[in-house]
C-alpha atoms as a PDB file:
ATOM      1  CA  MET A   1      -1.370  26.711 -57.306  1.00  0.00           C
ATOM      2  CA  ILE A   2      -3.163  25.393 -54.240  1.00  0.00           C
ATOM      3  CA  ARG A   3      -6.537  26.958 -53.581  1.00  0.00           C
ATOM      4  CA  ASN A   4      -9.247  26.504 -50.983  1.00  0.00           C
ATOM      5  CA  LEU A   5     -12.390  26.245 -53.115  1.00  0.00           C
ATOM      6  CA  SER A   6     -14.619  26.519 -50.040  1.00  0.00           C
ATOM      7  CA  ASN A   7     -13.584  30.091 -49.302  1.00  0.00           C
ATOM      8  CA  GLY A   8     -11.732  31.118 -52.480  1.00  0.00           C
ATOM      9  CA  ARG A   9      -8.425  31.795 -50.744  1.00  0.00           C
ATOM     10  CA  ILE A  10      -5.097  30.916 -52.341  1.00  0.00           C
ATOM     11  CA  ILE A  11      -3.022  28.751 -50.008  1.00  0.00           C
ATOM     12  CA  ALA A  12       0.148  28.511 -52.126  1.00  0.00           C
ATOM     13  CA  GLN A  13       1.247  29.672 -55.561  1.00  0.00           C
ATOM     14  CA  ASN A  14       4.632  27.981 -56.004  1.00  0.00           C
ATOM     15  CA  GLU A  15       4.363  24.413 -54.767  1.00  0.00           C
ATOM     16  CA  LEU A  16       6.770  21.570 -55.355  1.00  0.00           C
ATOM     17  CA  ILE A  17       5.251  18.133 -55.987  1.00  0.00           C
ATOM     18  CA  ALA A  18       7.499  15.531 -54.342  1.00  0.00           C
ATOM     19  CA  ARG A  19       7.304  12.710 -56.878  1.00  0.00           C
ATOM     20  CA  THR A  20      10.811  11.262 -56.720  1.00  0.00           C
ATOM     21  CA  PHE A  21      12.153   9.084 -53.934  1.00  0.00           C
ATOM     22  CA  PHE A  22      14.775  11.717 -53.035  1.00  0.00           C
ATOM     23  CA  LEU A  23      12.248  14.580 -52.851  1.00  0.00           C
ATOM     24  CA  ARG A  24       9.891  12.480 -50.740  1.00  0.00           C
ATOM     25  CA  LEU A  25      12.758  11.480 -48.455  1.00  0.00           C
ATOM     26  CA  THR A  26      14.161  14.966 -47.883  1.00  0.00           C
ATOM     27  CA  GLY A  27      11.049  17.157 -48.184  1.00  0.00           C
ATOM     28  CA  MET A  28      11.840  20.486 -46.561  1.00  0.00           C
ATOM     29  CA  LEU A  29      14.983  19.203 -44.807  1.00  0.00           C
ATOM     30  CA  THR A  30      17.257  20.631 -47.500  1.00  0.00           C
ATOM     31  CA  ARG A  31      15.093  23.622 -48.446  1.00  0.00           C
ATOM     32  CA  ARG A  32      13.638  26.820 -47.096  1.00  0.00           C
ATOM     33  CA  PHE A  33      10.271  28.318 -47.889  1.00  0.00           C
ATOM     34  CA  SER A  34      10.551  31.418 -50.077  1.00  0.00           C
ATOM     35  CA  ASN A  35       8.646  33.382 -52.713  1.00  0.00           C
ATOM     36  CA  SER A  36       9.577  30.685 -55.247  1.00  0.00           C
ATOM     37  CA  LEU A  37       8.651  27.756 -52.946  1.00  0.00           C
ATOM     38  CA  ASP A  38       5.703  28.164 -50.615  1.00  0.00           C
ATOM     39  CA  ALA A  39       4.504  24.546 -50.312  1.00  0.00           C
ATOM     40  CA  ILE A  40       5.594  20.971 -50.856  1.00  0.00           C
ATOM     41  CA  VAL A  41       3.024  18.308 -51.804  1.00  0.00           C
ATOM     42  CA  PHE A  42       3.282  14.579 -51.085  1.00  0.00           C
ATOM     43  CA  GLU A  43       0.781  12.421 -52.962  1.00  0.00           C
ATOM     44  CA  ASN A  44      -0.340   9.132 -51.369  1.00  0.00           C
ATOM     45  CA  CYS A  45       1.097  10.128 -48.012  1.00  0.00           C
ATOM     46  CA  ASN A  46      -0.734   9.981 -44.689  1.00  0.00           C
ATOM     47  CA  ALA A  47       2.149  10.877 -42.352  1.00  0.00           C
ATOM     48  CA  ILE A  48       5.100  13.252 -42.200  1.00  0.00           C
ATOM     49  CA  HIS A  49       7.899  13.854 -39.745  1.00  0.00           C
ATOM     50  CA  THR A  50       9.913  16.926 -38.902  1.00  0.00           C
ATOM     51  CA  PHE A  51      13.042  15.140 -37.687  1.00  0.00           C
ATOM     52  CA  GLY A  52      16.052  17.321 -38.396  1.00  0.00           C
ATOM     53  CA  MET A  53      13.950  20.369 -39.293  1.00  0.00           C
ATOM     54  CA  ARG A  54      15.009  23.784 -38.051  1.00  0.00           C
ATOM     55  CA  PHE A  55      11.580  25.410 -38.315  1.00  0.00           C
ATOM     56  CA  SER A  56       7.905  24.644 -37.760  1.00  0.00           C
ATOM     57  CA  LEU A  57       5.384  23.746 -40.478  1.00  0.00           C
ATOM     58  CA  ASP A  58       1.660  23.875 -41.084  1.00  0.00           C
ATOM     59  CA  VAL A  59       0.292  20.647 -42.591  1.00  0.00           C
ATOM     60  CA  ILE A  60      -2.899  19.899 -44.499  1.00  0.00           C
ATOM     61  CA  PHE A  61      -4.064  16.333 -45.172  1.00  0.00           C
ATOM     62  CA  VAL A  62      -6.445  16.115 -48.147  1.00  0.00           C
ATOM     63  CA  ASP A  63      -8.472  12.952 -48.816  1.00  0.00           C
ATOM     64  CA  ASN A  64      -9.010  11.437 -52.276  1.00  0.00           C
ATOM     65  CA  SER A  65     -12.188  13.457 -52.808  1.00  0.00           C
ATOM     66  CA  GLY A  66     -10.313  16.734 -52.287  1.00  0.00           C
ATOM     67  CA  HIS A  67     -11.695  17.459 -48.825  1.00  0.00           C
ATOM     68  CA  VAL A  68      -9.459  18.477 -45.941  1.00  0.00           C
ATOM     69  CA  ALA A  69      -9.245  15.467 -43.613  1.00  0.00           C
ATOM     70  CA  ALA A  70      -6.997  17.138 -41.012  1.00  0.00           C
ATOM     71  CA  VAL A  71      -4.978  20.272 -40.379  1.00  0.00           C
ATOM     72  CA  CYS A  72      -1.979  20.572 -38.086  1.00  0.00           C
ATOM     73  CA  ALA A  73      -0.796  24.070 -37.290  1.00  0.00           C
ATOM     74  CA  ASN A  74       2.714  24.961 -36.217  1.00  0.00           C
ATOM     75  CA  VAL A  75       4.189  21.439 -36.144  1.00  0.00           C
ATOM     76  CA  ALA A  76       7.484  21.805 -34.316  1.00  0.00           C
ATOM     77  CA  PRO A  77      10.739  20.074 -35.283  1.00  0.00           C
ATOM     78  CA  TRP A  78      11.191  16.445 -34.195  1.00  0.00           C
ATOM     79  CA  LYS A  79       7.485  15.537 -34.405  1.00  0.00           C
ATOM     80  CA  ILE A  80       5.377  13.022 -36.362  1.00  0.00           C
ATOM     81  CA  VAL A  81       1.869  13.822 -37.602  1.00  0.00           C
ATOM     82  CA  SER A  82      -0.472  11.442 -39.392  1.00  0.00           C
ATOM     83  CA  VAL A  83      -4.095  10.719 -40.288  1.00  0.00           C
ATOM     84  CA  ARG A  84      -6.095   7.517 -40.561  1.00  0.00           C
ATOM     85  CA  GLU A  85      -6.836   8.085 -44.249  1.00  0.00           C
ATOM     86  CA  LYS A  86      -4.816   5.481 -46.141  1.00  0.00           C
ATOM     87  CA  ARG A  87      -4.362   7.400 -49.376  1.00  0.00           C
ATOM     88  CA  CYS A  88      -4.332  11.131 -49.094  1.00  0.00           C
ATOM     89  CA  THR A  89      -2.281  14.083 -50.208  1.00  0.00           C
ATOM     90  CA  THR A  90      -0.192  15.903 -47.643  1.00  0.00           C
ATOM     91  CA  ILE A  91       0.731  19.562 -48.040  1.00  0.00           C
ATOM     92  CA  GLU A  92       3.541  21.133 -46.005  1.00  0.00           C
ATOM     93  CA  LEU A  93       3.381  24.916 -45.670  1.00  0.00           C
ATOM     94  CA  PRO A  94       5.192  27.661 -43.777  1.00  0.00           C
ATOM     95  CA  ALA A  95       3.963  28.017 -40.198  1.00  0.00           C
ATOM     96  CA  GLY A  96       1.134  30.564 -40.049  1.00  0.00           C
ATOM     97  CA  THR A  97      -0.309  29.725 -43.462  1.00  0.00           C
ATOM     98  CA  LEU A  98      -3.320  27.897 -42.009  1.00  0.00           C
ATOM     99  CA  SER A  99      -4.478  30.884 -40.000  1.00  0.00           C
ATOM    100  CA  ASP A 100      -3.966  33.199 -43.007  1.00  0.00           C
ATOM    101  CA  SER A 101      -5.880  30.900 -45.392  1.00  0.00           C
ATOM    102  CA  LEU A 102      -8.686  30.054 -42.942  1.00  0.00           C
ATOM    103  CA  CYS A 103      -8.399  26.406 -43.999  1.00  0.00           C
ATOM    104  CA  SER A 104     -10.354  23.909 -41.926  1.00  0.00           C
ATOM    105  CA  ILE A 105     -11.563  20.308 -41.945  1.00  0.00           C
ATOM    106  CA  GLY A 106     -14.096  19.647 -44.686  1.00  0.00           C
ATOM    107  CA  ASP A 107     -12.912  22.439 -47.004  1.00  0.00           C
ATOM    108  CA  ILE A 108     -12.334  21.493 -50.632  1.00  0.00           C
ATOM    109  CA  ILE A 109      -8.755  21.930 -51.881  1.00  0.00           C
ATOM    110  CA  GLU A 110      -7.664  22.240 -55.502  1.00  0.00           C
ATOM    111  CA  ILE A 111      -4.067  21.594 -56.544  1.00  0.00           C
ATOM    112  CA  SER A 112      -3.450  22.740 -60.108  1.00  0.00           C
END
């Protein structure tokens, strides 16, 4: 579960942690968000791309202290987004999730 501790809202309940090379390489390219998959998490990742994607994403970059370093809403296919943080966790979500969760820079995120 991914929760915004700053406002108590649940961001995702069924996340996939991309720990293998293949999962990190493909991300959401070979998947669709659904009730059983509502987020994908990339540890130690400060940039993502949406090359080859067929849908937009919301992206949260979380620094090592658990604070939101950046949010990118509605990232269209064929884009690159990144942050200056060297070691952070990146969370890809269905487009619209950021506005529903009221997540913003500085919020504290818990991934359990």
